[in-house]
N, C-alpha and C. Protein backbone atom coordinates (compact mmCIF):
# COMPACT_ATOMS: atom_id res chain seq x y z
N MET A 1 115.20 100.71 83.61
CA MET A 1 116.40 101.39 84.04
C MET A 1 116.07 102.85 84.30
N VAL A 2 116.67 103.36 85.34
CA VAL A 2 116.51 104.76 85.70
C VAL A 2 117.90 105.31 85.97
N ARG A 3 118.16 106.52 85.48
CA ARG A 3 119.46 107.12 85.72
C ARG A 3 119.30 108.32 86.64
N LEU A 4 120.07 108.33 87.72
CA LEU A 4 120.11 109.49 88.61
C LEU A 4 121.04 110.52 88.00
N ASP A 5 120.78 111.78 88.25
CA ASP A 5 121.59 112.84 87.66
C ASP A 5 121.90 113.88 88.73
N ALA A 6 123.04 114.49 88.60
CA ALA A 6 123.45 115.56 89.51
C ALA A 6 123.61 116.85 88.72
N VAL A 7 123.36 117.96 89.38
CA VAL A 7 123.51 119.27 88.75
C VAL A 7 124.59 120.02 89.52
N GLY A 8 125.55 120.57 88.82
CA GLY A 8 126.64 121.27 89.47
C GLY A 8 127.79 120.33 89.74
N GLY A 9 128.80 120.84 90.41
CA GLY A 9 129.97 120.02 90.69
C GLY A 9 130.77 119.77 89.43
N THR A 10 131.73 118.87 89.54
CA THR A 10 132.62 118.56 88.43
C THR A 10 132.52 117.08 88.10
N PRO A 11 132.01 116.75 86.91
CA PRO A 11 131.95 115.34 86.52
C PRO A 11 133.38 114.76 86.41
N PRO A 12 133.53 113.46 86.47
CA PRO A 12 132.47 112.46 86.61
C PRO A 12 131.97 112.36 88.04
N TYR A 13 130.75 111.83 88.18
CA TYR A 13 130.13 111.64 89.48
C TYR A 13 130.17 110.16 89.85
N ALA A 14 130.29 109.89 91.14
CA ALA A 14 130.22 108.51 91.65
C ALA A 14 129.03 108.42 92.60
N TRP A 15 128.18 107.43 92.38
CA TRP A 15 126.95 107.27 93.16
C TRP A 15 127.04 106.06 94.07
N SER A 16 126.37 106.15 95.23
CA SER A 16 126.28 105.00 96.14
C SER A 16 125.05 105.15 97.02
N VAL A 17 124.59 104.02 97.56
CA VAL A 17 123.51 104.01 98.53
C VAL A 17 124.16 104.10 99.91
N VAL A 18 123.79 105.12 100.69
CA VAL A 18 124.41 105.33 102.00
C VAL A 18 123.45 105.14 103.17
N GLY A 19 122.18 104.91 102.88
CA GLY A 19 121.19 104.68 103.93
C GLY A 19 120.04 103.88 103.39
N GLY A 20 119.51 102.98 104.19
CA GLY A 20 118.44 102.12 103.73
C GLY A 20 118.98 101.16 102.68
N ILE A 21 118.06 100.52 101.96
CA ILE A 21 118.47 99.58 100.91
C ILE A 21 117.50 99.70 99.74
N LEU A 22 118.02 99.42 98.57
CA LEU A 22 117.17 99.33 97.38
C LEU A 22 116.32 98.07 97.51
N PRO A 23 115.16 98.04 96.85
CA PRO A 23 114.36 96.82 96.86
C PRO A 23 115.18 95.65 96.31
N PRO A 24 115.00 94.44 96.86
CA PRO A 24 115.72 93.28 96.33
C PRO A 24 115.52 93.15 94.82
N GLY A 25 116.62 92.85 94.13
CA GLY A 25 116.59 92.71 92.68
C GLY A 25 117.06 93.95 91.94
N LEU A 26 117.16 95.09 92.64
CA LEU A 26 117.63 96.33 92.02
C LEU A 26 119.03 96.65 92.53
N ALA A 27 119.80 97.35 91.70
CA ALA A 27 121.15 97.75 92.07
C ALA A 27 121.43 99.14 91.54
N LEU A 28 122.25 99.90 92.25
CA LEU A 28 122.70 101.22 91.81
C LEU A 28 124.15 101.10 91.39
N SER A 29 124.43 101.44 90.13
CA SER A 29 125.81 101.40 89.65
C SER A 29 126.51 102.70 90.03
N GLY A 30 127.81 102.68 90.01
CA GLY A 30 128.60 103.85 90.37
C GLY A 30 128.36 105.05 89.48
N ASP A 31 127.87 104.81 88.24
CA ASP A 31 127.60 105.93 87.35
C ASP A 31 126.14 106.39 87.41
N GLY A 32 125.38 105.89 88.39
CA GLY A 32 124.05 106.43 88.65
C GLY A 32 122.87 105.70 88.05
N TRP A 33 123.08 104.52 87.47
CA TRP A 33 121.97 103.77 86.88
C TRP A 33 121.38 102.82 87.91
N ILE A 34 120.05 102.85 88.07
CA ILE A 34 119.34 101.85 88.87
C ILE A 34 118.82 100.84 87.87
N THR A 35 119.28 99.60 88.02
CA THR A 35 118.92 98.55 87.06
C THR A 35 118.43 97.31 87.80
N GLY A 36 117.81 96.41 87.04
CA GLY A 36 117.35 95.14 87.58
C GLY A 36 115.85 95.05 87.55
N THR A 37 115.34 94.00 88.17
CA THR A 37 113.91 93.76 88.28
C THR A 37 113.58 93.57 89.75
N ALA A 38 112.75 94.42 90.28
CA ALA A 38 112.39 94.33 91.70
C ALA A 38 111.64 93.03 91.95
N ILE A 39 112.09 92.30 92.97
CA ILE A 39 111.41 91.06 93.34
C ILE A 39 110.77 91.19 94.73
N ALA A 40 110.77 92.40 95.24
CA ALA A 40 110.20 92.68 96.56
C ALA A 40 108.68 92.71 96.47
N PRO A 41 108.01 92.47 97.60
CA PRO A 41 106.55 92.65 97.62
C PRO A 41 106.19 94.11 97.33
N ALA A 42 104.98 94.33 96.87
CA ALA A 42 104.53 95.69 96.59
C ALA A 42 104.62 96.52 97.86
N ALA A 43 105.40 97.59 97.79
CA ALA A 43 105.60 98.46 98.96
C ALA A 43 106.48 99.64 98.55
N ALA A 44 106.51 100.64 99.41
CA ALA A 44 107.43 101.76 99.22
C ALA A 44 108.75 101.42 99.91
N HIS A 45 109.84 101.74 99.25
CA HIS A 45 111.17 101.45 99.79
C HIS A 45 111.94 102.77 99.89
N ALA A 46 112.39 103.10 101.09
CA ALA A 46 113.12 104.35 101.33
C ALA A 46 114.61 104.05 101.40
N PHE A 47 115.39 104.90 100.75
CA PHE A 47 116.84 104.78 100.79
C PHE A 47 117.45 106.15 100.53
N THR A 48 118.72 106.29 100.82
CA THR A 48 119.43 107.56 100.60
C THR A 48 120.61 107.30 99.69
N VAL A 49 120.75 108.14 98.66
CA VAL A 49 121.88 108.04 97.74
C VAL A 49 122.84 109.19 98.01
N GLN A 50 124.09 108.95 97.70
CA GLN A 50 125.11 109.98 97.80
C GLN A 50 125.84 110.07 96.47
N VAL A 51 126.14 111.27 96.06
CA VAL A 51 126.92 111.47 94.85
C VAL A 51 128.18 112.25 95.23
N THR A 52 129.30 111.83 94.67
CA THR A 52 130.59 112.48 94.90
C THR A 52 131.13 112.91 93.54
N ASP A 53 131.54 114.18 93.44
CA ASP A 53 132.07 114.65 92.16
C ASP A 53 133.58 114.43 92.10
N ALA A 54 134.20 114.84 91.00
CA ALA A 54 135.62 114.61 90.76
C ALA A 54 136.52 115.31 91.79
N ASN A 55 136.00 116.35 92.46
CA ASN A 55 136.77 117.08 93.47
C ASN A 55 136.53 116.56 94.88
N GLY A 56 135.71 115.52 95.02
CA GLY A 56 135.42 114.96 96.33
C GLY A 56 134.27 115.63 97.05
N THR A 57 133.58 116.56 96.38
CA THR A 57 132.41 117.21 96.98
C THR A 57 131.24 116.24 96.96
N MET A 58 130.54 116.11 98.10
CA MET A 58 129.47 115.13 98.23
C MET A 58 128.12 115.80 98.48
N ALA A 59 127.09 115.15 98.02
CA ALA A 59 125.72 115.56 98.31
C ALA A 59 124.91 114.28 98.45
N SER A 60 123.85 114.33 99.27
CA SER A 60 123.01 113.15 99.43
C SER A 60 121.55 113.54 99.31
N GLN A 61 120.72 112.54 99.01
CA GLN A 61 119.29 112.78 98.84
C GLN A 61 118.53 111.52 99.26
N ALA A 62 117.51 111.72 100.09
CA ALA A 62 116.61 110.62 100.44
C ALA A 62 115.63 110.40 99.29
N LEU A 63 115.39 109.15 98.94
CA LEU A 63 114.48 108.80 97.85
C LEU A 63 113.50 107.73 98.32
N ASN A 64 112.36 107.67 97.68
CA ASN A 64 111.37 106.61 97.90
C ASN A 64 111.06 105.99 96.55
N LEU A 65 111.07 104.68 96.51
CA LEU A 65 110.76 103.95 95.29
C LEU A 65 109.57 103.04 95.58
N LEU A 66 108.52 103.20 94.80
CA LEU A 66 107.31 102.40 94.99
C LEU A 66 107.35 101.20 94.05
N VAL A 67 107.34 100.01 94.62
CA VAL A 67 107.27 98.78 93.84
C VAL A 67 105.81 98.36 93.82
N LYS A 68 105.29 98.17 92.62
CA LYS A 68 103.90 97.74 92.47
C LYS A 68 103.86 96.27 92.09
N ARG A 69 102.72 95.66 92.35
CA ARG A 69 102.53 94.26 92.01
C ARG A 69 102.60 94.07 90.51
N ALA A 70 103.35 93.06 90.09
CA ALA A 70 103.47 92.76 88.66
C ALA A 70 102.19 92.11 88.16
N VAL A 71 101.84 92.38 86.93
CA VAL A 71 100.67 91.78 86.29
C VAL A 71 101.15 91.05 85.05
N LEU A 72 100.83 89.79 84.96
CA LEU A 72 101.20 88.99 83.80
C LEU A 72 100.14 89.13 82.72
N THR A 73 100.56 89.50 81.55
CA THR A 73 99.63 89.59 80.42
C THR A 73 100.26 88.87 79.23
N CYS A 74 99.42 88.34 78.37
CA CYS A 74 99.94 87.73 77.15
C CYS A 74 98.86 87.82 76.08
N GLY A 75 99.32 87.90 74.85
CA GLY A 75 98.38 87.97 73.74
C GLY A 75 97.80 86.61 73.40
N TYR A 76 98.58 85.56 73.63
CA TYR A 76 98.15 84.19 73.35
C TYR A 76 98.75 83.29 74.41
N CYS A 77 97.92 82.63 75.16
CA CYS A 77 98.38 81.73 76.20
C CYS A 77 97.83 80.34 75.93
N HIS A 78 98.64 79.33 76.16
CA HIS A 78 98.20 77.96 75.99
C HIS A 78 98.67 77.17 77.19
N ALA A 79 97.78 76.49 77.85
CA ALA A 79 98.12 75.68 79.00
C ALA A 79 97.66 74.25 78.74
N ALA A 80 98.29 73.32 79.44
CA ALA A 80 97.96 71.90 79.26
C ALA A 80 96.47 71.64 79.53
N GLY A 81 95.90 72.34 80.48
CA GLY A 81 94.48 72.14 80.81
C GLY A 81 93.56 72.76 79.78
N GLY A 82 94.10 73.53 78.86
CA GLY A 82 93.29 74.18 77.82
C GLY A 82 92.63 75.45 78.30
N PHE A 83 93.04 76.53 77.76
CA PHE A 83 92.45 77.83 78.08
C PHE A 83 91.61 78.26 76.90
């Protein structure tokens, strides 16, 4: 989980994606949390977020999120074929 934060303005803030898309499997909540598990192939994903404060003042920011290939690790693995 990652939380976006705004400086200035009047809380509470409302967040949204206004350009591009988050990697599949991730979502941005209205309170600024990016949650989920990316299921996209390893790549950089560009998107733009917008934040609106309690007075309706808006600001936006382009972001890049790098999804890396997942690596499976385990301390003890057992398979039918015998490892």
